[in-house]
Amino acid sequence: MNRNTVILIFVILGFVILGFFLNKFLSNNSQSFEIKIGFTGHQTEKSVSCRFIYFTGRKKLYINATGNEKIKISYDISLKNGEILIYLVSPEGKEVWKHKVNRKAKENEIVRLKIPGIYTLEIDAKGARSGKIELYWERILGI
């Protein structure tokens, strides 16, 4: 490599690192920091499906509950390193349910939504590498 190419690589790398630090430390919203490498996927009203080489960030699904109803949360997650937290937050901002994945998990959870309002089902990835996320929710009829 010639000298100009090396200098250009260092300048670009410096701007990328500077951008991450400015976003992380000067942003009023710490949740806005996100890194996606090799990320592909899609999201619908009730599901998230993605594959990635590296992922730090959040995905959210919203559930409009009438109160005193049940939902089934189904997930199939695998990753080589890092961690993924899945949690459900009530309209009051309280954590209703939580699950942490460090390697692999494939489960179904039944959760009761006691109060009416908008619940948030969140996926929080922290340094997740070489992985996939399949998550969806559905209402359970006949309570």
Protein backbone atom coordinates (compact mmCIF):
# COMPACT_ATOMS: atom_id res chain seq x y z
CA MET A 1 0.00 0.00 0.00
CA ASN A 2 1.24 3.43 -0.74
CA ARG A 3 1.46 6.22 1.83
CA ASN A 4 -1.65 8.11 0.59
CA THR A 5 -3.86 5.01 0.88
CA VAL A 6 -2.71 4.39 4.47
CA ILE A 7 -3.39 8.03 5.40
CA LEU A 8 -6.86 7.85 3.82
CA ILE A 9 -7.70 4.68 5.76
CA PHE A 10 -6.64 6.30 9.05
CA VAL A 11 -8.65 9.46 8.31
CA ILE A 12 -11.80 7.45 7.50
CA LEU A 13 -11.32 5.26 10.58
CA GLY A 14 -10.86 8.39 12.72
CA PHE A 15 -14.13 9.89 11.43
CA VAL A 16 -16.00 6.65 12.11
CA ILE A 17 -14.69 6.45 15.68
CA LEU A 18 -15.38 10.15 16.25
CA GLY A 19 -18.93 9.67 14.98
CA PHE A 20 -19.58 6.81 17.40
CA PHE A 21 -18.28 8.81 20.36
CA LEU A 22 -20.24 11.94 19.42
CA ASN A 23 -23.42 9.90 19.00
CA LYS A 24 -22.93 8.04 22.29
CA PHE A 25 -21.79 10.84 24.57
CA LEU A 26 -23.43 13.97 23.17
CA SER A 27 -26.83 12.48 22.41
CA ASN A 28 -29.62 13.12 24.92
CA ASN A 29 -31.04 9.69 24.10
CA SER A 30 -28.57 6.93 24.98
CA GLN A 31 -30.77 4.42 23.13
CA SER A 32 -29.98 6.06 19.79
CA PHE A 33 -26.53 4.42 19.62
CA GLU A 34 -26.66 1.58 17.13
CA ILE A 35 -24.16 -0.44 15.12
CA LYS A 36 -25.24 -2.92 12.45
CA ILE A 37 -22.74 -4.91 10.37
CA GLY A 38 -24.00 -7.49 7.88
CA PHE A 39 -27.54 -6.84 9.12
CA THR A 40 -30.46 -8.10 7.05
CA GLY A 41 -34.05 -8.62 8.07
CA HIS A 42 -37.55 -7.30 8.25
CA GLN A 43 -40.08 -6.17 10.82
CA THR A 44 -43.88 -6.28 10.86
CA GLU A 45 -46.46 -5.15 13.39
CA LYS A 46 -46.09 -8.42 15.32
CA SER A 47 -42.64 -9.76 14.41
CA VAL A 48 -38.93 -9.12 13.98
CA SER A 49 -36.70 -11.37 11.89
CA CYS A 50 -33.03 -10.62 11.24
CA ARG A 51 -29.54 -12.02 10.76
CA PHE A 52 -26.32 -10.16 11.48
CA ILE A 53 -22.56 -10.32 11.77
CA TYR A 54 -22.56 -7.67 14.52
CA PHE A 55 -25.48 -5.86 16.16
CA THR A 56 -25.69 -3.37 19.00
CA GLY A 57 -29.02 -1.58 19.18
CA ARG A 58 -32.77 -1.97 19.70
CA LYS A 59 -35.85 -3.14 17.92
CA LYS A 60 -39.35 -2.46 19.28
CA LEU A 61 -42.81 -3.89 18.74
CA TYR A 62 -45.93 -2.24 20.13
CA ILE A 63 -48.92 -4.08 21.57
CA ASN A 64 -52.25 -2.30 22.07
CA ALA A 65 -53.86 -4.12 25.00
CA THR A 66 -57.43 -3.82 26.21
CA GLY A 67 -56.44 -5.09 29.65
CA ASN A 68 -56.58 -8.47 31.38
CA GLU A 69 -55.57 -10.44 28.28
CA LYS A 70 -52.82 -12.94 27.48
CA ILE A 71 -50.23 -12.92 24.72
CA LYS A 72 -47.74 -15.54 23.63
CA ILE A 73 -44.20 -14.32 22.95
CA SER A 74 -42.25 -16.74 20.76
CA TYR A 75 -38.54 -16.37 20.04
CA ASP A 76 -35.71 -18.27 18.42
CA ILE A 77 -32.38 -16.52 19.03
CA SER A 78 -28.83 -17.67 18.48
CA LEU A 79 -25.54 -15.78 18.61
CA LYS A 80 -21.86 -16.53 18.92
CA ASN A 81 -20.96 -13.75 21.40
CA GLY A 82 -22.60 -10.85 23.21
CA GLU A 83 -26.08 -10.76 24.68
CA ILE A 84 -29.64 -10.03 23.75
CA LEU A 85 -32.30 -8.94 26.22
CA ILE A 86 -35.98 -9.24 25.38
CA TYR A 87 -38.38 -7.44 27.65
CA LEU A 88 -41.95 -6.26 27.82
CA VAL A 89 -42.69 -2.81 29.25
CA SER A 90 -46.17 -1.79 30.47
CA PRO A 91 -47.88 1.50 29.55
CA GLU A 92 -46.77 2.75 32.98
CA GLY A 93 -43.11 2.10 32.05
CA LYS A 94 -42.71 -0.93 34.33
CA GLU A 95 -40.94 -4.08 33.21
CA VAL A 96 -43.51 -6.88 33.01
CA TRP A 97 -41.35 -9.70 31.60
CA LYS A 98 -37.67 -10.17 30.71
CA HIS A 99 -35.41 -12.83 29.20
CA LYS A 100 -31.64 -12.73 28.59
CA VAL A 101 -29.93 -14.74 25.81
CA ASN A 102 -26.15 -15.29 25.69
CA ARG A 103 -25.95 -18.10 23.14
CA LYS A 104 -29.18 -19.84 22.15
CA ALA A 105 -32.84 -19.83 23.15
CA LYS A 106 -36.00 -21.10 21.51
CA GLU A 107 -39.06 -20.69 23.70
CA ASN A 108 -42.66 -19.56 24.01
CA GLU A 109 -43.76 -17.46 26.97
CA ILE A 110 -47.32 -16.63 28.03
CA VAL A 111 -47.65 -13.16 29.59
CA ARG A 112 -50.75 -11.49 31.02
CA LEU A 113 -51.28 -7.83 30.10
CA LYS A 114 -53.23 -6.61 33.12
CA ILE A 115 -53.83 -2.95 32.33
CA PRO A 116 -55.06 -1.42 29.07
CA GLY A 117 -52.71 0.65 26.92
CA ILE A 118 -49.66 0.38 24.68
CA TYR A 119 -47.06 -2.18 25.78
CA THR A 120 -43.57 -2.22 24.25
CA LEU A 121 -41.83 -5.48 23.41
CA GLU A 122 -38.14 -4.60 23.06
CA ILE A 123 -35.07 -6.41 21.81
CA ASP A 124 -31.85 -4.90 23.17
CA ALA A 125 -28.69 -6.29 21.53
CA LYS A 126 -25.31 -5.60 23.13
CA GLY A 127 -22.28 -6.66 21.13
CA ALA A 128 -24.18 -9.56 19.54
CA ARG A 129 -22.09 -11.39 16.93
CA SER A 130 -22.89 -13.92 14.22
CA GLY A 131 -26.52 -14.36 15.06
CA LYS A 132 -30.16 -14.43 14.21
CA ILE A 133 -33.32 -13.20 15.89
CA GLU A 134 -36.82 -14.52 15.20
CA LEU A 135 -39.41 -12.97 17.50
CA TYR A 136 -43.18 -12.64 17.27
CA TRP A 137 -46.16 -12.21 19.52
CA GLU A 138 -49.82 -13.19 19.24
CA ARG A 139 -52.95 -12.82 21.34
CA ILE A 140 -54.31 -15.86 23.11
CA LEU A 141 -58.07 -16.11 22.77
CA GLY A 142 -60.41 -17.61 25.33
CA ILE A 143 -59.00 -16.32 28.60
